[in-house]
C-alpha atoms as a PDB file:
ATOM      1  CA  MET A   1    -154.470  15.268 -77.875  1.00  0.00           C
ATOM      2  CA  GLN A   2    -151.737  14.239 -80.058  1.00  0.00           C
ATOM      3  CA  ASN A   3    -151.480  15.789 -84.689  1.00  0.00           C
ATOM      4  CA  PRO A   4    -153.372  13.072 -86.251  1.00  0.00           C
ATOM      5  CA  LYS A   5    -150.301  13.180 -89.183  1.00  0.00           C
ATOM      6  CA  THR A   6    -147.847  11.805 -85.976  1.00  0.00           C
ATOM      7  CA  ALA A   7    -150.507   9.687 -83.883  1.00  0.00           C
ATOM      8  CA  ILE A   8    -149.652   6.179 -83.891  1.00  0.00           C
ATOM      9  CA  SER A   9    -151.324   4.051 -81.643  1.00  0.00           C
ATOM     10  CA  CYS A  10    -150.485   0.813 -80.347  1.00  0.00           C
ATOM     11  CA  GLU A  11    -151.948  -1.791 -81.776  1.00  0.00           C
ATOM     12  CA  LEU A  12    -152.817  -3.492 -78.404  1.00  0.00           C
ATOM     13  CA  CYS A  13    -153.327  -1.346 -75.168  1.00  0.00           C
ATOM     14  CA  GLU A  14    -154.180   1.236 -78.825  1.00  0.00           C
ATOM     15  CA  ARG A  15    -153.074   3.973 -76.988  1.00  0.00           C
ATOM     16  CA  GLU A  16    -152.658   7.240 -79.221  1.00  0.00           C
ATOM     17  CA  ILE A  17    -148.121   7.401 -78.956  1.00  0.00           C
ATOM     18  CA  ALA A  18    -145.643   8.852 -80.244  1.00  0.00           C
ATOM     19  CA  SER A  19    -143.533   6.142 -81.048  1.00  0.00           C
ATOM     20  CA  LEU A  20    -143.616   2.183 -80.813  1.00  0.00           C
ATOM     21  CA  THR A  21    -141.716  -0.943 -80.843  1.00  0.00           C
ATOM     22  CA  VAL A  22    -141.705  -4.096 -82.912  1.00  0.00           C
ATOM     23  CA  HIS A  23    -142.824  -7.227 -81.342  1.00  0.00           C
ATOM     24  CA  HIS A  24    -142.483 -10.275 -82.546  1.00  0.00           C
ATOM     25  CA  LEU A  25    -144.906 -12.531 -82.475  1.00  0.00           C
ATOM     26  CA  VAL A  26    -142.848 -15.633 -82.766  1.00  0.00           C
ATOM     27  CA  PRO A  27    -139.302 -14.615 -80.638  1.00  0.00           C
ATOM     28  CA  ARG A  28    -136.485 -14.340 -83.066  1.00  0.00           C
ATOM     29  CA  GLN A  29    -135.041 -16.908 -80.533  1.00  0.00           C
ATOM     30  CA  ASN A  30    -137.137 -19.426 -81.923  1.00  0.00           C
ATOM     31  CA  THR A  31    -136.142 -18.464 -85.918  1.00  0.00           C
ATOM     32  CA  LYS A  32    -132.549 -17.098 -86.171  1.00  0.00           C
ATOM     33  CA  ARG A  33    -131.330 -19.949 -85.263  1.00  0.00           C
ATOM     34  CA  LYS A  34    -132.961 -22.651 -87.314  1.00  0.00           C
ATOM     35  CA  LYS A  35    -132.372 -19.079 -90.381  1.00  0.00           C
ATOM     36  CA  GLN A  36    -136.758 -19.379 -90.605  1.00  0.00           C
ATOM     37  CA  ASP A  37    -138.370 -16.346 -91.030  1.00  0.00           C
ATOM     38  CA  PRO A  38    -138.901 -14.440 -88.757  1.00  0.00           C
ATOM     39  CA  GLY A  39    -142.703 -13.997 -89.411  1.00  0.00           C
ATOM     40  CA  LEU A  40    -145.684 -11.131 -87.828  1.00  0.00           C
ATOM     41  CA  THR A  41    -144.697  -8.456 -86.153  1.00  0.00           C
ATOM     42  CA  ILE A  42    -147.077  -6.362 -84.352  1.00  0.00           C
ATOM     43  CA  ASN A  43    -146.150  -2.327 -83.490  1.00  0.00           C
ATOM     44  CA  ILE A  44    -146.776  -2.030 -80.222  1.00  0.00           C
ATOM     45  CA  CYS A  45    -145.808   1.036 -76.929  1.00  0.00           C
ATOM     46  CA  SER A  46    -142.739   0.041 -74.986  1.00  0.00           C
ATOM     47  CA  ALA A  47    -145.357  -0.696 -72.537  1.00  0.00           C
ATOM     48  CA  CYS A  48    -146.727  -3.372 -73.389  1.00  0.00           C
ATOM     49  CA  HIS A  49    -143.935  -4.631 -75.088  1.00  0.00           C
ATOM     50  CA  ARG A  50    -142.074  -4.586 -71.717  1.00  0.00           C
ATOM     51  CA  GLN A  51    -144.704  -6.404 -69.781  1.00  0.00           C
ATOM     52  CA  ILE A  52    -145.797  -8.970 -72.364  1.00  0.00           C
ATOM     53  CA  HIS A  53    -141.825 -10.054 -71.563  1.00  0.00           C
ATOM     54  CA  ALA A  54    -142.172  -9.578 -68.190  1.00  0.00           C
ATOM     55  CA  LEU A  55    -145.052 -12.007 -68.072  1.00  0.00           C
ATOM     56  CA  PHE A  56    -143.896 -14.609 -70.242  1.00  0.00           C
ATOM     57  CA  ASP A  57    -141.333 -16.058 -70.976  1.00  0.00           C
ATOM     58  CA  ASN A  58    -140.100 -17.135 -74.888  1.00  0.00           C
ATOM     59  CA  LYS A  59    -141.014 -20.464 -75.250  1.00  0.00           C
ATOM     60  CA  LEU A  60    -145.070 -19.441 -74.059  1.00  0.00           C
ATOM     61  CA  LEU A  61    -145.084 -17.069 -76.940  1.00  0.00           C
ATOM     62  CA  ALA A  62    -144.282 -19.142 -79.964  1.00  0.00           C
ATOM     63  CA  LYS A  63    -146.462 -21.991 -78.851  1.00  0.00           C
ATOM     64  CA  GLU A  64    -148.876 -19.597 -77.332  1.00  0.00           C
ATOM     65  CA  LEU A  65    -148.923 -16.581 -77.490  1.00  0.00           C
ATOM     66  CA  ASN A  66    -148.150 -15.615 -81.016  1.00  0.00           C
ATOM     67  CA  THR A  67    -150.885 -13.993 -82.534  1.00  0.00           C
ATOM     68  CA  LEU A  68    -152.783 -10.410 -81.830  1.00  0.00           C
ATOM     69  CA  ASP A  69    -155.764 -11.922 -79.980  1.00  0.00           C
ATOM     70  CA  LYS A  70    -154.463 -14.753 -78.054  1.00  0.00           C
ATOM     71  CA  LEU A  71    -152.263 -11.638 -76.253  1.00  0.00           C
ATOM     72  CA  ARG A  72    -155.109  -9.858 -75.798  1.00  0.00           C
ATOM     73  CA  ASN A  73    -157.361 -12.658 -74.499  1.00  0.00           C
ATOM     74  CA  GLN A  74    -154.418 -13.711 -72.163  1.00  0.00           C
ATOM     75  CA  PRO A  75    -156.098 -12.888 -68.306  1.00  0.00           C
ATOM     76  CA  GLN A  76    -152.848 -11.659 -67.028  1.00  0.00           C
ATOM     77  CA  MET A  77    -152.503  -9.181 -70.262  1.00  0.00           C
ATOM     78  CA  GLN A  78    -155.881  -8.540 -70.590  1.00  0.00           C
ATOM     79  CA  LYS A  79    -155.680  -7.009 -66.536  1.00  0.00           C
ATOM     80  CA  PHE A  80    -153.023  -4.376 -67.213  1.00  0.00           C
ATOM     81  CA  LEU A  81    -154.738  -3.476 -71.053  1.00  0.00           C
ATOM     82  CA  THR A  82    -157.601  -2.744 -68.792  1.00  0.00           C
ATOM     83  CA  TRP A  83    -154.972  -0.381 -66.360  1.00  0.00           C
ATOM     84  CA  VAL A  84    -152.867   0.635 -69.153  1.00  0.00           C
ATOM     85  CA  ARG A  85    -155.566   2.089 -71.359  1.00  0.00           C
ATOM     86  CA  LYS A  86    -156.000   5.093 -68.300  1.00  0.00           C
ATOM     87  CA  GLN A  87    -152.787   5.825 -68.134  1.00  0.00           C
ATOM     88  CA  ASP A  88    -150.736   9.020 -70.007  1.00  0.00           C
ATOM     89  CA  PRO A  89    -149.488   8.304 -72.774  1.00  0.00           C
ATOM     90  CA  ASN A  90    -146.441  10.648 -73.066  1.00  0.00           C
ATOM     91  CA  LYS A  91    -144.934   9.156 -69.553  1.00  0.00           C
ATOM     92  CA  ARG A  92    -142.892   5.803 -68.916  1.00  0.00           C
ATOM     93  CA  ILE A  93    -144.782   3.156 -67.474  1.00  0.00           C
ATOM     94  CA  ALA A  94    -142.866   0.886 -64.786  1.00  0.00           C
ATOM     95  CA  VAL A  95    -143.705  -3.323 -65.320  1.00  0.00           C
ATOM     96  CA  ASP A  96    -143.789  -5.353 -62.824  1.00  0.00           C
ATOM     97  CA  ARG A  97    -142.635  -9.344 -63.026  1.00  0.00           C
END
């Protein structure tokens, strides 16, 4: 277990990770061109971030999977999250398309 001062939990898989990435719940591609506020973000591990973008296109993410709960409850992500929670958070995880 990591030092509690440096441990950060992924908001999606809830594993303790040394560093997290920022995921825009509505992809920036959909807001940047329209000069809109980029909206809410979540802090997630790189494995979860890569898996999201491997499974879903930006259109689907913007329209249907634009909250943490919607992502967490999506069947393909649930399957991945069940598996990834058992993995060593210090090792790079390969994702499948």
